[in-house]
Amino acid sequence: MDNDFNQYIHSASDSLIYLREARDLILRDKHRIRYYPLVHAAFCRLLAIEIISSIELMIKRWGPGCITADLMAFIKPSGNIGKVEIFERELGKAGLTVDLNVLIDYTATKLLRNTVVHSDLSEDNAAFLEKNGFPRDITKLDENHWDRMNRAFDSMMLYIFTAANPRPR
C-alpha cells in the first residue's frame, strides 16, 4: 500500500510542478496569447483539480494514523462554513494556529474543483465563492485566484503534515 500511495503522491507533486512551469512559459509570451485572461482561468481550473487531489492524498495517507487531529473529517461531506470550522477545530487540536483565510481559500478551491469536475455549482456554493472573492463563472478566474490557491495549498500541506507528524515533547 505504501508504494501505491508514494506513486500517487509523487505523481501529484510532479503534476503541480509541471503545471506551474507550463503556465510560466506560456505567460512569458503575451504577444502570442489571443485572450490573455482565459489563460489564467484555464490554469486556475487545472490547479484546483491538482491541489484537491494532492491534499486528499495526503489526508488519506496520514489521516488514519493521526493522533492529534481527526484529519479524515476534512474529506467527509459538510457545508462550506462547516468545513472551515472543522479545519480550524481539528488543526487547533493538533496545536496549530491556522490562518482562517487559508481555510476559506482551500474550501473555495475545493468548490471550484467540484464545479470543474462535476459541471455543477449550487447556489449556496456560488454564494460562498462570491462572498470570499472568487467568481461564480470559472472563466473569470485570474492571477489573484492563482496566487490565493497556491498559498492555500502550501499552507494546507504544511498544516496536515505538521498535524500528522507532531514533534515529540
N, C-alpha and C. Protein backbone atom coordinates (compact mmCIF):
# COMPACT_ATOMS: atom_id res chain seq x y z
N MET A 1 0.82 -1.19 0.00
CA MET A 1 0.00 0.00 0.00
C MET A 1 0.87 1.26 0.00
N ASP A 2 1.98 1.24 0.73
CA ASP A 2 2.86 2.41 0.76
C ASP A 2 3.36 2.78 -0.63
N ASN A 3 3.72 1.78 -1.43
CA ASN A 3 4.20 2.07 -2.78
C ASN A 3 3.12 2.72 -3.63
N ASP A 4 1.87 2.25 -3.47
CA ASP A 4 0.77 2.86 -4.22
C ASP A 4 0.62 4.32 -3.84
N PHE A 5 0.59 4.59 -2.54
CA PHE A 5 0.44 5.98 -2.11
C PHE A 5 1.64 6.81 -2.54
N ASN A 6 2.83 6.26 -2.41
CA ASN A 6 4.02 7.01 -2.80
C ASN A 6 3.98 7.39 -4.28
N GLN A 7 3.55 6.46 -5.14
CA GLN A 7 3.49 6.78 -6.57
C GLN A 7 2.47 7.88 -6.82
N TYR A 8 1.34 7.86 -6.11
CA TYR A 8 0.32 8.89 -6.31
C TYR A 8 0.80 10.23 -5.78
N ILE A 9 1.44 10.23 -4.63
CA ILE A 9 1.94 11.48 -4.07
C ILE A 9 3.02 12.07 -4.98
N HIS A 10 3.92 11.23 -5.46
CA HIS A 10 4.97 11.72 -6.37
C HIS A 10 4.37 12.25 -7.67
N SER A 11 3.39 11.53 -8.22
CA SER A 11 2.81 12.00 -9.49
C SER A 11 2.02 13.29 -9.28
N ALA A 12 1.36 13.43 -8.15
CA ALA A 12 0.63 14.68 -7.87
C ALA A 12 1.60 15.84 -7.73
N SER A 13 2.71 15.59 -7.07
CA SER A 13 3.74 16.62 -6.91
C SER A 13 4.31 17.01 -8.27
N ASP A 14 4.62 16.02 -9.09
CA ASP A 14 5.13 16.28 -10.43
C ASP A 14 4.14 17.10 -11.25
N SER A 15 2.87 16.73 -11.17
CA SER A 15 1.85 17.45 -11.94
C SER A 15 1.80 18.92 -11.56
N LEU A 16 1.88 19.20 -10.26
CA LEU A 16 1.86 20.60 -9.82
C LEU A 16 3.08 21.36 -10.32
N ILE A 17 4.23 20.73 -10.25
CA ILE A 17 5.46 21.37 -10.72
C ILE A 17 5.34 21.70 -12.21
N TYR A 18 4.93 20.71 -13.02
CA TYR A 18 4.84 20.92 -14.47
C TYR A 18 3.74 21.91 -14.83
N LEU A 19 2.65 21.91 -14.08
CA LEU A 19 1.58 22.86 -14.32
C LEU A 19 2.06 24.29 -14.08
N ARG A 20 2.78 24.49 -12.99
CA ARG A 20 3.31 25.82 -12.68
C ARG A 20 4.33 26.26 -13.74
N GLU A 21 5.19 25.33 -14.14
CA GLU A 21 6.20 25.65 -15.15
C GLU A 21 5.56 25.96 -16.50
N ALA A 22 4.58 25.17 -16.90
CA ALA A 22 3.91 25.39 -18.19
C ALA A 22 3.21 26.74 -18.20
N ARG A 23 2.55 27.10 -17.11
CA ARG A 23 1.88 28.39 -17.03
C ARG A 23 2.88 29.53 -17.19
N ASP A 24 4.01 29.42 -16.47
CA ASP A 24 5.03 30.45 -16.57
C ASP A 24 5.55 30.60 -18.00
N LEU A 25 5.79 29.48 -18.67
CA LEU A 25 6.29 29.53 -20.05
C LEU A 25 5.28 30.19 -20.99
N ILE A 26 4.03 29.83 -20.86
CA ILE A 26 3.01 30.40 -21.74
C ILE A 26 2.83 31.89 -21.47
N LEU A 27 2.83 32.28 -20.23
CA LEU A 27 2.58 33.68 -19.89
C LEU A 27 3.75 34.60 -20.23
N ARG A 28 4.92 34.03 -20.46
CA ARG A 28 6.07 34.86 -20.85
C ARG A 28 5.89 35.51 -22.21
N ASP A 29 5.15 34.85 -23.08
CA ASP A 29 4.98 35.34 -24.45
C ASP A 29 3.56 35.89 -24.63
N LYS A 30 3.32 37.06 -24.04
CA LYS A 30 1.98 37.66 -24.05
C LYS A 30 1.49 38.00 -25.46
N HIS A 31 2.39 38.21 -26.38
CA HIS A 31 2.00 38.61 -27.73
C HIS A 31 1.36 37.47 -28.52
N ARG A 32 1.63 36.24 -28.15
CA ARG A 32 1.07 35.10 -28.86
C ARG A 32 -0.27 34.65 -28.29
N ILE A 33 -0.64 35.21 -27.15
CA ILE A 33 -1.89 34.81 -26.50
C ILE A 33 -3.01 35.72 -27.00
N ARG A 34 -4.04 35.14 -27.54
CA ARG A 34 -5.14 35.94 -28.11
C ARG A 34 -6.02 36.55 -27.03
N TYR A 35 -6.37 35.76 -26.05
CA TYR A 35 -7.21 36.29 -24.99
C TYR A 35 -6.58 35.91 -23.65
N TYR A 36 -5.73 36.78 -23.19
CA TYR A 36 -4.88 36.58 -22.02
C TYR A 36 -5.64 36.10 -20.77
N PRO A 37 -6.78 36.71 -20.41
CA PRO A 37 -7.47 36.28 -19.19
C PRO A 37 -7.90 34.81 -19.20
N LEU A 38 -8.20 34.26 -20.36
CA LEU A 38 -8.62 32.86 -20.41
C LEU A 38 -7.47 31.91 -20.05
N VAL A 39 -6.25 32.34 -20.30
CA VAL A 39 -5.10 31.51 -19.93
C VAL A 39 -5.04 31.37 -18.40
N HIS A 40 -5.21 32.48 -17.70
CA HIS A 40 -5.23 32.41 -16.24
C HIS A 40 -6.35 31.50 -15.76
N ALA A 41 -7.52 31.68 -16.32
CA ALA A 41 -8.67 30.89 -15.89
C ALA A 41 -8.44 29.39 -16.14
N ALA A 42 -7.91 29.06 -17.29
CA ALA A 42 -7.66 27.65 -17.62
C ALA A 42 -6.67 27.02 -16.65
N PHE A 43 -5.59 27.72 -16.37
CA PHE A 43 -4.60 27.18 -15.44
C PHE A 43 -5.14 27.11 -14.02
N CYS A 44 -5.97 28.06 -13.63
CA CYS A 44 -6.59 28.00 -12.30
C CYS A 44 -7.48 26.78 -12.15
N ARG A 45 -8.23 26.45 -13.20
CA ARG A 45 -9.09 25.27 -13.14
C ARG A 45 -8.27 24.00 -12.98
N LEU A 46 -7.20 23.90 -13.74
CA LEU A 46 -6.31 22.73 -13.63
C LEU A 46 -5.64 22.69 -12.25
N LEU A 47 -5.24 23.85 -11.77
CA LEU A 47 -4.61 23.93 -10.45
C LEU A 47 -5.56 23.45 -9.37
N ALA A 48 -6.82 23.85 -9.43
CA ALA A 48 -7.79 23.43 -8.42
C ALA A 48 -7.90 21.91 -8.37
N ILE A 49 -7.92 21.28 -9.52
CA ILE A 49 -8.01 19.81 -9.57
C ILE A 49 -6.78 19.18 -8.92
N GLU A 50 -5.61 19.67 -9.26
CA GLU A 50 -4.37 19.09 -8.72
C GLU A 50 -4.23 19.35 -7.22
N ILE A 51 -4.59 20.53 -6.77
CA ILE A 51 -4.47 20.85 -5.34
C ILE A 51 -5.34 19.92 -4.51
N ILE A 52 -6.59 19.79 -4.88
CA ILE A 52 -7.51 18.97 -4.09
C ILE A 52 -7.07 17.51 -4.13
N SER A 53 -6.66 17.02 -5.29
CA SER A 53 -6.15 15.65 -5.39
C SER A 53 -4.97 15.43 -4.46
N SER A 54 -4.04 16.36 -4.46
CA SER A 54 -2.84 16.24 -3.62
C SER A 54 -3.16 16.28 -2.14
N ILE A 55 -3.98 17.22 -1.72
CA ILE A 55 -4.32 17.34 -0.30
C ILE A 55 -5.09 16.12 0.16
N GLU A 56 -6.03 15.66 -0.64
CA GLU A 56 -6.81 14.49 -0.24
C GLU A 56 -5.94 13.24 -0.19
N LEU A 57 -4.94 13.14 -1.06
CA LEU A 57 -3.98 12.02 -0.97
C LEU A 57 -3.22 12.07 0.36
N MET A 58 -2.77 13.27 0.73
CA MET A 58 -2.05 13.42 1.99
C MET A 58 -2.93 13.03 3.17
N ILE A 59 -4.19 13.45 3.13
CA ILE A 59 -5.10 13.12 4.22
C ILE A 59 -5.33 11.61 4.29
N LYS A 60 -5.53 10.98 3.14
CA LYS A 60 -5.74 9.52 3.12
C LYS A 60 -4.51 8.78 3.60
N ARG A 61 -3.34 9.34 3.34
CA ARG A 61 -2.09 8.69 3.74
C ARG A 61 -1.82 8.84 5.23
N TRP A 62 -1.98 10.06 5.75
CA TRP A 62 -1.61 10.34 7.13
C TRP A 62 -2.78 10.41 8.10
N GLY A 63 -3.98 10.61 7.57
CA GLY A 63 -5.14 10.80 8.42
C GLY A 63 -5.47 9.65 9.35
N PRO A 64 -5.52 8.41 8.83
CA PRO A 64 -5.93 7.31 9.71
C PRO A 64 -5.05 7.09 10.94
N GLY A 65 -3.78 7.41 10.85
CA GLY A 65 -2.88 7.20 11.99
C GLY A 65 -2.63 8.45 12.82
N CYS A 66 -3.26 9.53 12.48
CA CYS A 66 -3.01 10.79 13.16
C CYS A 66 -3.65 10.78 14.55
N ILE A 67 -2.83 11.02 15.57
CA ILE A 67 -3.35 11.01 16.94
C ILE A 67 -3.68 12.40 17.46
N THR A 68 -3.28 13.44 16.75
CA THR A 68 -3.51 14.79 17.25
C THR A 68 -4.78 15.44 16.71
N ALA A 69 -5.29 14.95 15.57
CA ALA A 69 -6.47 15.57 14.97
C ALA A 69 -7.18 14.54 14.09
N ASP A 70 -8.46 14.73 13.90
CA ASP A 70 -9.23 13.87 13.00
C ASP A 70 -9.10 14.42 11.59
N LEU A 71 -8.01 14.10 10.93
CA LEU A 71 -7.78 14.60 9.58
C LEU A 71 -8.80 14.05 8.60
N MET A 72 -9.31 12.86 8.86
CA MET A 72 -10.28 12.27 7.95
C MET A 72 -11.57 13.10 7.88
N ALA A 73 -11.82 13.93 8.89
CA ALA A 73 -13.00 14.80 8.88
C ALA A 73 -12.92 15.80 7.73
N PHE A 74 -11.72 16.07 7.22
CA PHE A 74 -11.54 17.04 6.14
C PHE A 74 -12.14 16.57 4.82
N ILE A 75 -12.24 15.26 4.64
CA ILE A 75 -12.74 14.76 3.35
C ILE A 75 -14.16 14.22 3.45
N LYS A 76 -14.77 14.35 4.61
CA LYS A 76 -16.18 13.97 4.76
C LYS A 76 -17.05 15.13 4.27
N PRO A 77 -18.19 14.80 3.68
CA PRO A 77 -19.08 15.88 3.21
C PRO A 77 -19.56 16.76 4.37
N SER A 78 -19.57 18.06 4.13
CA SER A 78 -20.12 19.02 5.09
C SER A 78 -20.33 20.33 4.34
N GLY A 79 -21.09 21.22 4.92
CA GLY A 79 -21.31 22.52 4.29
C GLY A 79 -20.02 23.32 4.29
N ASN A 80 -19.99 24.39 3.51
CA ASN A 80 -18.78 25.19 3.37
C ASN A 80 -18.30 25.80 4.67
N ILE A 81 -19.23 26.43 5.42
CA ILE A 81 -18.85 27.01 6.70
C ILE A 81 -18.48 25.90 7.66
N GLY A 82 -19.21 24.80 7.60
CA GLY A 82 -18.88 23.64 8.44
C GLY A 82 -17.49 23.12 8.16
N LYS A 83 -17.13 23.09 6.89
CA LYS A 83 -15.80 22.59 6.51
C LYS A 83 -14.70 23.49 7.08
N VAL A 84 -14.88 24.80 6.97
CA VAL A 84 -13.90 25.73 7.52
C VAL A 84 -13.79 25.54 9.04
N GLU A 85 -14.92 25.38 9.71
CA GLU A 85 -14.92 25.18 11.16
C GLU A 85 -14.25 23.86 11.54
N ILE A 86 -14.49 22.81 10.75
CA ILE A 86 -13.84 21.51 11.00
C ILE A 86 -12.33 21.65 10.86
N PHE A 87 -11.88 22.29 9.79
CA PHE A 87 -10.44 22.50 9.60
C PHE A 87 -9.85 23.22 10.80
N GLU A 88 -10.48 24.31 11.19
CA GLU A 88 -9.96 25.12 12.29
C GLU A 88 -9.94 24.32 13.59
N ARG A 89 -11.01 23.61 13.89
CA ARG A 89 -11.10 22.82 15.12
C ARG A 89 -10.05 21.70 15.15
N GLU A 90 -9.99 20.92 14.09
CA GLU A 90 -9.10 19.76 14.09
C GLU A 90 -7.63 20.17 14.06
N LEU A 91 -7.29 21.19 13.32
CA LEU A 91 -5.90 21.64 13.31
C LEU A 91 -5.55 22.30 14.65
N GLY A 92 -6.53 22.95 15.28
CA GLY A 92 -6.32 23.50 16.62
C GLY A 92 -6.03 22.42 17.63
N LYS A 93 -6.71 21.27 17.51
CA LYS A 93 -6.45 20.14 18.41
C LYS A 93 -4.99 19.69 18.31
N ALA A 94 -4.43 19.86 17.13
CA ALA A 94 -3.03 19.47 16.90
C ALA A 94 -2.07 20.56 17.37
N GLY A 95 -2.62 21.63 17.97
CA GLY A 95 -1.78 22.71 18.48
C GLY A 95 -1.38 23.73 17.44
N LEU A 96 -2.05 23.73 16.30
CA LEU A 96 -1.70 24.66 15.24
C LEU A 96 -2.59 25.89 15.26
N THR A 97 -1.98 27.03 15.06
CA THR A 97 -2.73 28.25 14.84
C THR A 97 -2.81 28.42 13.33
N VAL A 98 -4.02 28.47 12.82
CA VAL A 98 -4.18 28.49 11.38
C VAL A 98 -4.73 29.84 10.91
N ASP A 99 -4.44 30.16 9.68
CA ASP A 99 -4.93 31.38 9.05
C ASP A 99 -6.30 31.06 8.47
N LEU A 100 -7.34 31.71 8.97
CA LEU A 100 -8.70 31.47 8.51
C LEU A 100 -8.84 31.72 7.01
N ASN A 101 -8.11 32.68 6.47
CA ASN A 101 -8.17 32.95 5.02
C ASN A 101 -7.66 31.77 4.21
N VAL A 102 -6.68 31.07 4.73
CA VAL A 102 -6.18 29.87 4.04
C VAL A 102 -7.27 28.81 3.99
N LEU A 103 -7.97 28.62 5.11
CA LEU A 103 -9.03 27.62 5.15
C LEU A 103 -10.17 27.97 4.21
N ILE A 104 -10.50 29.25 4.14
CA ILE A 104 -11.55 29.71 3.23
C ILE A 104 -11.11 29.52 1.78
N ASP A 105 -9.87 29.89 1.47
CA ASP A 105 -9.38 29.75 0.10
C ASP A 105 -9.27 28.28 -0.31
N TYR A 106 -8.90 27.42 0.64
CA TYR A 106 -8.86 25.99 0.33
C TYR A 106 -10.27 25.48 0.04
N THR A 107 -11.23 25.89 0.86
CA THR A 107 -12.62 25.47 0.65
C THR A 107 -13.13 25.98 -0.69
N ALA A 108 -12.79 27.22 -1.05
CA ALA A 108 -13.17 27.76 -2.35
C ALA A 108 -12.52 26.96 -3.48
N THR A 109 -11.27 26.57 -3.30
CA THR A 109 -10.58 25.75 -4.30
C THR A 109 -11.29 24.42 -4.48
N LYS A 110 -11.72 23.83 -3.37
CA LYS A 110 -12.46 22.57 -3.43
C LYS A 110 -13.77 22.76 -4.21
N LEU A 111 -14.47 23.86 -3.97
CA LEU A 111 -15.71 24.13 -4.70
C LEU A 111 -15.45 24.32 -6.19
N LEU A 112 -14.37 25.04 -6.51
CA LEU A 112 -14.01 25.24 -7.91
C LEU A 112 -13.67 23.91 -8.58
N ARG A 113 -12.94 23.10 -7.88
CA ARG A 113 -12.60 21.76 -8.41
C ARG A 113 -13.86 20.96 -8.67
N ASN A 114 -14.78 20.96 -7.71
CA ASN A 114 -16.02 20.22 -7.89
C ASN A 114 -16.84 20.77 -9.06
N THR A 115 -16.81 22.08 -9.22
CA THR A 115 -17.51 22.71 -10.33
C THR A 115 -16.94 22.26 -11.67
N VAL A 116 -15.62 22.21 -11.76
CA VAL A 116 -14.96 21.79 -12.99
C VAL A 116 -15.22 20.31 -13.27
N VAL A 117 -15.02 19.48 -12.26
CA VAL A 117 -15.12 18.03 -12.45
C VAL A 117 -16.57 17.57 -12.66
N HIS A 118 -17.50 18.15 -11.92
CA HIS A 118 -18.89 17.70 -11.97
C HIS A 118 -19.82 18.61 -12.77
N SER A 119 -19.28 19.71 -13.29
CA SER A 119 -20.07 20.67 -14.07
C SER A 119 -21.34 21.10 -13.34
N ASP A 120 -21.15 21.41 -12.07
CA ASP A 120 -22.30 21.78 -11.25
C ASP A 120 -21.85 22.75 -10.17
N LEU A 121 -22.65 23.79 -9.95
CA LEU A 121 -22.38 24.75 -8.88
C LEU A 121 -23.72 25.16 -8.28
N SER A 122 -23.95 24.71 -7.05
CA SER A 122 -25.20 25.06 -6.38
C SER A 122 -25.20 26.55 -6.02
N GLU A 123 -26.37 27.06 -5.74
CA GLU A 123 -26.48 28.47 -5.37
C GLU A 123 -25.73 28.77 -4.08
N ASP A 124 -25.79 27.85 -3.10
CA ASP A 124 -25.05 28.04 -1.84
C ASP A 124 -23.54 28.11 -2.09
N ASN A 125 -23.05 27.21 -2.93
CA ASN A 125 -21.62 27.21 -3.24
C ASN A 125 -21.20 28.45 -4.01
N ALA A 126 -22.05 28.88 -4.95
CA ALA A 126 -21.76 30.10 -5.70
C ALA A 126 -21.71 31.30 -4.76
N ALA A 127 -22.64 31.35 -3.82
CA ALA A 127 -22.66 32.46 -2.85
C ALA A 127 -21.40 32.45 -1.99
N PHE A 128 -20.94 31.26 -1.57
CA PHE A 128 -19.71 31.15 -0.78
C PHE A 128 -18.53 31.68 -1.58
N LEU A 129 -18.43 31.28 -2.84
CA LEU A 129 -17.33 31.74 -3.69
C LEU A 129 -17.34 33.26 -3.81
N GLU A 130 -18.48 33.82 -4.17
CA GLU A 130 -18.58 35.26 -4.37
C GLU A 130 -18.31 36.04 -3.09
N LYS A 131 -18.83 35.55 -1.98
CA LYS A 131 -18.61 36.22 -0.69
C LYS A 131 -17.12 36.29 -0.35
N ASN A 132 -16.38 35.30 -0.82
CA ASN A 132 -14.96 35.21 -0.48
C ASN A 132 -14.03 35.59 -1.63
N GLY A 133 -14.55 36.34 -2.59
CA GLY A 133 -13.70 36.91 -3.63
C GLY A 133 -13.34 36.01 -4.79
N PHE A 134 -14.11 34.93 -4.98
CA PHE A 134 -13.90 34.05 -6.13
C PHE A 134 -15.13 34.18 -7.03
N PRO A 135 -14.94 34.05 -8.34
CA PRO A 135 -16.08 34.21 -9.24
C PRO A 135 -16.95 32.96 -9.32
N ARG A 136 -18.19 33.17 -9.58
CA ARG A 136 -19.14 32.09 -9.84
C ARG A 136 -18.85 31.51 -11.24
N ASP A 137 -18.37 32.35 -12.13
CA ASP A 137 -18.05 31.97 -13.50
C ASP A 137 -16.58 31.51 -13.56
N ILE A 138 -16.36 30.23 -13.84
CA ILE A 138 -15.00 29.68 -13.80
C ILE A 138 -14.11 30.18 -14.93
N THR A 139 -14.68 30.93 -15.87
CA THR A 139 -13.83 31.55 -16.91
C THR A 139 -13.30 32.90 -16.45
N LYS A 140 -13.67 33.32 -15.24
CA LYS A 140 -13.25 34.62 -14.71
C LYS A 140 -12.15 34.50 -13.65
N LEU A 141 -11.64 33.31 -13.46
CA LEU A 141 -10.52 33.13 -12.52
C LEU A 141 -9.31 33.87 -13.07
N ASP A 142 -8.52 34.48 -12.18
CA ASP A 142 -7.40 35.30 -12.64
C ASP A 142 -6.14 35.02 -11.82
N GLU A 143 -5.14 35.86 -12.05
CA GLU A 143 -3.84 35.69 -11.40
C GLU A 143 -3.94 35.76 -9.88
N ASN A 144 -4.80 36.63 -9.38
CA ASN A 144 -5.01 36.73 -7.94
C ASN A 144 -5.55 35.41 -7.38
N HIS A 145 -6.47 34.77 -8.07
CA HIS A 145 -7.01 33.49 -7.62
C HIS A 145 -5.92 32.41 -7.68
N TRP A 146 -5.11 32.45 -8.72
CA TRP A 146 -3.99 31.52 -8.84
C TRP A 146 -3.08 31.63 -7.60
N ASP A 147 -2.74 32.86 -7.24
CA ASP A 147 -1.87 33.08 -6.08
C ASP A 147 -2.54 32.61 -4.79
N ARG A 148 -3.81 32.90 -4.62
CA ARG A 148 -4.53 32.50 -3.41
C ARG A 148 -4.63 30.98 -3.30
N MET A 149 -4.90 30.31 -4.41
CA MET A 149 -4.99 28.85 -4.38
C MET A 149 -3.63 28.22 -4.08
N ASN A 150 -2.57 28.76 -4.65
CA ASN A 150 -1.23 28.24 -4.36
C ASN A 150 -0.86 28.44 -2.90
N ARG A 151 -1.19 29.60 -2.35
CA ARG A 151 -0.90 29.87 -0.94
C ARG A 151 -1.70 28.92 -0.05
N ALA A 152 -2.96 28.70 -0.40
CA ALA A 152 -3.79 27.77 0.38
C ALA A 152 -3.21 26.36 0.33
N PHE A 153 -2.76 25.95 -0.85
CA PHE A 153 -2.16 24.62 -0.98
C PHE A 153 -0.91 24.49 -0.12
N ASP A 154 0.00 25.43 -0.26
CA ASP A 154 1.25 25.35 0.51
C ASP A 154 0.97 25.31 2.01
N SER A 155 0.04 26.14 2.47
CA SER A 155 -0.28 26.18 3.91
C SER A 155 -0.99 24.92 4.36
N MET A 156 -1.95 24.44 3.58
CA MET A 156 -2.67 23.22 3.97
C MET A 156 -1.74 22.02 4.01
N MET A 157 -0.82 21.95 3.07
CA MET A 157 0.14 20.87 3.06
C MET A 157 0.97 20.89 4.35
N LEU A 158 1.40 22.07 4.74
CA LEU A 158 2.17 22.21 5.97
C LEU A 158 1.32 21.88 7.19
N TYR A 159 0.09 22.37 7.24
CA TYR A 159 -0.79 22.08 8.38
C TYR A 159 -1.01 20.58 8.53
N ILE A 160 -1.33 19.92 7.44
CA ILE A 160 -1.63 18.49 7.51
C ILE A 160 -0.39 17.69 7.89
N PHE A 161 0.73 18.00 7.29
CA PHE A 161 1.97 17.30 7.63
C PHE A 161 2.31 17.51 9.11
N THR A 162 2.20 18.73 9.58
CA THR A 162 2.53 19.03 10.98
C THR A 162 1.58 18.34 11.95
N ALA A 163 0.29 18.34 11.63
CA ALA A 163 -0.68 17.67 12.49
C ALA A 163 -0.44 16.17 12.54
N ALA A 164 -0.08 15.59 11.40
CA ALA A 164 0.10 14.14 11.30
C ALA A 164 1.46 13.69 11.83
N ASN A 165 2.40 14.59 11.93
CA ASN A 165 3.76 14.24 12.37
C ASN A 165 4.21 15.18 13.48
N PRO A 166 3.54 15.10 14.64
CA PRO A 166 3.89 16.04 15.72
C PRO A 166 5.30 15.79 16.25
N ARG A 167 5.89 16.89 16.74
CA ARG A 167 7.21 16.76 17.37
C ARG A 167 7.05 16.12 18.74
N PRO A 168 8.00 15.28 19.12
CA PRO A 168 7.95 14.73 20.48
C PRO A 168 8.12 15.85 21.50
N ARG A 169 7.43 15.75 22.58
CA ARG A 169 7.51 16.78 23.64
C ARG A 169 8.46 16.37 24.72
